[in-house]
């Protein structure tokens, strides 16, 4: 009746899927280091929500005119990146986030680029 999930490795780990949505635990990995902040992605078919549980995290969003918005995430607050929005995360080494999105997001729906 009750299932329990935990991170398996560093980075973005999808830990559960259920009826059209999925949740991931996100922890520090080299891709989330400040030196890689210029690598951004967007999901064309789903919003993506983040909740900071531990550590520090910065969420970067970039619009079509290359205007940047950076937000230092606060613990236990929900941040939503709307679909088709370019974004990236910078995490401290002790950061833990929860991410939620549509379960049908696939690599073909995700675009990546370097600013």
C-alpha atoms as a PDB file:
ATOM      1  CA  UNK A   1       0.000   0.000   0.000  1.00  0.00           C
ATOM      2  CA  UNK A   2       2.834   2.410   0.758  1.00  0.00           C
ATOM      3  CA  UNK A   3       5.943   2.492  -1.402  1.00  0.00           C
ATOM      4  CA  UNK A   4       9.228   4.118  -0.503  1.00  0.00           C
ATOM      5  CA  UNK A   5      11.731   5.636  -2.922  1.00  0.00           C
ATOM      6  CA  UNK A   6      15.279   6.946  -2.530  1.00  0.00           C
ATOM      7  CA  UNK A   7      17.991   8.252  -4.829  1.00  0.00           C
ATOM      8  CA  UNK A   8      20.120   5.626  -6.481  1.00  0.00           C
ATOM      9  CA  UNK A   9      23.011   7.710  -7.806  1.00  0.00           C
ATOM     10  CA  UNK A  10      24.109  11.313  -8.341  1.00  0.00           C
ATOM     11  CA  UNK A  11      22.230  13.486 -10.835  1.00  0.00           C
ATOM     12  CA  UNK A  12      18.629  13.243 -12.056  1.00  0.00           C
ATOM     13  CA  UNK A  13      17.041   9.968 -10.913  1.00  0.00           C
ATOM     14  CA  UNK A  14      13.459   9.147 -11.857  1.00  0.00           C
ATOM     15  CA  UNK A  15      12.283   7.224  -8.825  1.00  0.00           C
ATOM     16  CA  UNK A  16       8.611   6.662  -9.612  1.00  0.00           C
ATOM     17  CA  UNK A  17       6.008   6.928 -12.353  1.00  0.00           C
ATOM     18  CA  UNK A  18       2.264   6.882 -11.897  1.00  0.00           C
ATOM     19  CA  UNK A  19      -0.671   7.553 -14.235  1.00  0.00           C
ATOM     20  CA  UNK A  20       0.887  10.180 -16.458  1.00  0.00           C
ATOM     21  CA  UNK A  21       3.402  11.808 -14.115  1.00  0.00           C
ATOM     22  CA  UNK A  22       6.786  11.030 -12.654  1.00  0.00           C
ATOM     23  CA  UNK A  23       8.978  12.187  -9.792  1.00  0.00           C
ATOM     24  CA  UNK A  24      12.746  12.375  -9.605  1.00  0.00           C
ATOM     25  CA  UNK A  25      15.318  13.029  -6.929  1.00  0.00           C
ATOM     26  CA  UNK A  26      17.997  15.430  -8.160  1.00  0.00           C
ATOM     27  CA  UNK A  27      21.397  15.648  -6.484  1.00  0.00           C
ATOM     28  CA  UNK A  28      24.729  17.195  -7.402  1.00  0.00           C
ATOM     29  CA  UNK A  29      26.421  15.856 -10.498  1.00  0.00           C
ATOM     30  CA  UNK A  30      28.977  17.566 -12.737  1.00  0.00           C
ATOM     31  CA  UNK A  31      26.179  18.650 -15.097  1.00  0.00           C
ATOM     32  CA  UNK A  32      24.796  20.827 -12.271  1.00  0.00           C
ATOM     33  CA  UNK A  33      28.116  22.541 -11.515  1.00  0.00           C
ATOM     34  CA  UNK A  34      28.298  26.322 -12.036  1.00  0.00           C
ATOM     35  CA  UNK A  35      30.867  25.846 -14.816  1.00  0.00           C
ATOM     36  CA  UNK A  36      28.175  24.055 -16.860  1.00  0.00           C
ATOM     37  CA  UNK A  37      25.487  26.688 -16.342  1.00  0.00           C
ATOM     38  CA  UNK A  38      25.595  27.598 -20.027  1.00  0.00           C
ATOM     39  CA  UNK A  39      24.209  24.172 -20.970  1.00  0.00           C
ATOM     40  CA  UNK A  40      20.424  24.520 -21.022  1.00  0.00           C
ATOM     41  CA  UNK A  41      17.472  22.365 -22.029  1.00  0.00           C
ATOM     42  CA  UNK A  42      13.750  22.644 -22.570  1.00  0.00           C
ATOM     43  CA  UNK A  43      10.885  20.157 -22.607  1.00  0.00           C
ATOM     44  CA  UNK A  44       8.423  20.863 -25.391  1.00  0.00           C
ATOM     45  CA  UNK A  45       5.482  18.906 -23.926  1.00  0.00           C
ATOM     46  CA  UNK A  46       5.585  19.358 -20.158  1.00  0.00           C
ATOM     47  CA  UNK A  47       6.052  21.809 -17.331  1.00  0.00           C
ATOM     48  CA  UNK A  48       8.617  20.742 -14.736  1.00  0.00           C
ATOM     49  CA  UNK A  49       8.366  21.478 -11.012  1.00  0.00           C
ATOM     50  CA  UNK A  50      11.240  21.585  -8.531  1.00  0.00           C
ATOM     51  CA  UNK A  51      11.314  21.604  -4.723  1.00  0.00           C
ATOM     52  CA  UNK A  52      14.588  22.183  -2.859  1.00  0.00           C
ATOM     53  CA  UNK A  53      14.895  19.893   0.158  1.00  0.00           C
ATOM     54  CA  UNK A  54      18.553  20.356   1.180  1.00  0.00           C
ATOM     55  CA  UNK A  55      21.552  22.459   0.212  1.00  0.00           C
ATOM     56  CA  UNK A  56      21.500  25.320  -2.269  1.00  0.00           C
ATOM     57  CA  UNK A  57      20.226  25.536  -5.834  1.00  0.00           C
ATOM     58  CA  UNK A  58      19.853  28.179  -8.509  1.00  0.00           C
ATOM     59  CA  UNK A  59      17.341  27.853 -11.321  1.00  0.00           C
ATOM     60  CA  UNK A  60      18.169  29.633 -14.561  1.00  0.00           C
ATOM     61  CA  UNK A  61      15.552  30.345 -17.245  1.00  0.00           C
ATOM     62  CA  UNK A  62      16.240  31.901 -20.639  1.00  0.00           C
ATOM     63  CA  UNK A  63      13.587  33.256 -23.012  1.00  0.00           C
ATOM     64  CA  UNK A  64      13.653  33.380 -26.807  1.00  0.00           C
ATOM     65  CA  UNK A  65      15.373  36.814 -26.701  1.00  0.00           C
ATOM     66  CA  UNK A  66      18.162  35.370 -24.504  1.00  0.00           C
ATOM     67  CA  UNK A  67      16.918  37.306 -21.460  1.00  0.00           C
ATOM     68  CA  UNK A  68      17.986  35.457 -18.333  1.00  0.00           C
ATOM     69  CA  UNK A  69      16.189  35.003 -15.048  1.00  0.00           C
ATOM     70  CA  UNK A  70      18.013  33.402 -12.122  1.00  0.00           C
ATOM     71  CA  UNK A  71      16.319  32.407  -8.903  1.00  0.00           C
ATOM     72  CA  UNK A  72      17.970  31.093  -5.755  1.00  0.00           C
ATOM     73  CA  UNK A  73      15.582  28.392  -4.653  1.00  0.00           C
ATOM     74  CA  UNK A  74      14.196  28.444  -1.144  1.00  0.00           C
ATOM     75  CA  UNK A  75      13.625  25.181   0.698  1.00  0.00           C
ATOM     76  CA  UNK A  76      10.125  23.677   0.606  1.00  0.00           C
ATOM     77  CA  UNK A  77       8.846  26.082  -2.059  1.00  0.00           C
ATOM     78  CA  UNK A  78       7.604  24.861  -5.459  1.00  0.00           C
ATOM     79  CA  UNK A  79       9.157  26.343  -8.604  1.00  0.00           C
ATOM     80  CA  UNK A  80       7.602  25.566 -11.991  1.00  0.00           C
ATOM     81  CA  UNK A  81       9.380  25.897 -15.320  1.00  0.00           C
ATOM     82  CA  UNK A  82       6.729  26.142 -18.028  1.00  0.00           C
ATOM     83  CA  UNK A  83       7.007  23.875 -21.047  1.00  0.00           C
ATOM     84  CA  UNK A  84       9.256  25.080 -23.879  1.00  0.00           C
ATOM     85  CA  UNK A  85      11.251  27.294 -21.463  1.00  0.00           C
ATOM     86  CA  UNK A  86      15.027  26.966 -21.690  1.00  0.00           C
ATOM     87  CA  UNK A  87      16.396  26.207 -18.217  1.00  0.00           C
ATOM     88  CA  UNK A  88      19.194  24.728 -16.137  1.00  0.00           C
ATOM     89  CA  UNK A  89      20.086  24.134 -12.507  1.00  0.00           C
ATOM     90  CA  UNK A  90      23.204  24.888 -10.489  1.00  0.00           C
ATOM     91  CA  UNK A  91      23.453  22.793  -7.323  1.00  0.00           C
ATOM     92  CA  UNK A  92      25.668  22.783  -4.270  1.00  0.00           C
ATOM     93  CA  UNK A  93      27.347  19.458  -3.565  1.00  0.00           C
ATOM     94  CA  UNK A  94      24.883  18.761  -0.723  1.00  0.00           C
ATOM     95  CA  UNK A  95      21.757  19.757  -2.663  1.00  0.00           C
ATOM     96  CA  UNK A  96      18.701  17.515  -2.883  1.00  0.00           C
ATOM     97  CA  UNK A  97      15.703  18.475  -5.023  1.00  0.00           C
ATOM     98  CA  UNK A  98      12.470  16.764  -5.955  1.00  0.00           C
ATOM     99  CA  UNK A  99      11.381  17.171  -9.587  1.00  0.00           C
ATOM    100  CA  UNK A 100       7.949  16.348 -11.014  1.00  0.00           C
ATOM    101  CA  UNK A 101       6.879  16.277 -14.659  1.00  0.00           C
ATOM    102  CA  UNK A 102       4.740  14.413 -17.161  1.00  0.00           C
ATOM    103  CA  UNK A 103       5.808  10.782 -17.423  1.00  0.00           C
ATOM    104  CA  UNK A 104       5.684  10.865 -21.211  1.00  0.00           C
ATOM    105  CA  UNK A 105       8.596  13.305 -21.535  1.00  0.00           C
ATOM    106  CA  UNK A 106      11.211  11.633 -23.696  1.00  0.00           C
ATOM    107  CA  UNK A 107      14.529  12.617 -25.228  1.00  0.00           C
ATOM    108  CA  UNK A 108      12.776  13.516 -28.473  1.00  0.00           C
ATOM    109  CA  UNK A 109      10.717  16.133 -26.570  1.00  0.00           C
ATOM    110  CA  UNK A 110      13.802  17.683 -24.974  1.00  0.00           C
ATOM    111  CA  UNK A 111      16.011  20.149 -26.805  1.00  0.00           C
ATOM    112  CA  UNK A 112      19.478  21.112 -25.588  1.00  0.00           C
ATOM    113  CA  UNK A 113      21.848  23.959 -26.427  1.00  0.00           C
ATOM    114  CA  UNK A 114      24.794  25.918 -25.102  1.00  0.00           C
ATOM    115  CA  UNK A 115      24.412  29.665 -24.625  1.00  0.00           C
END
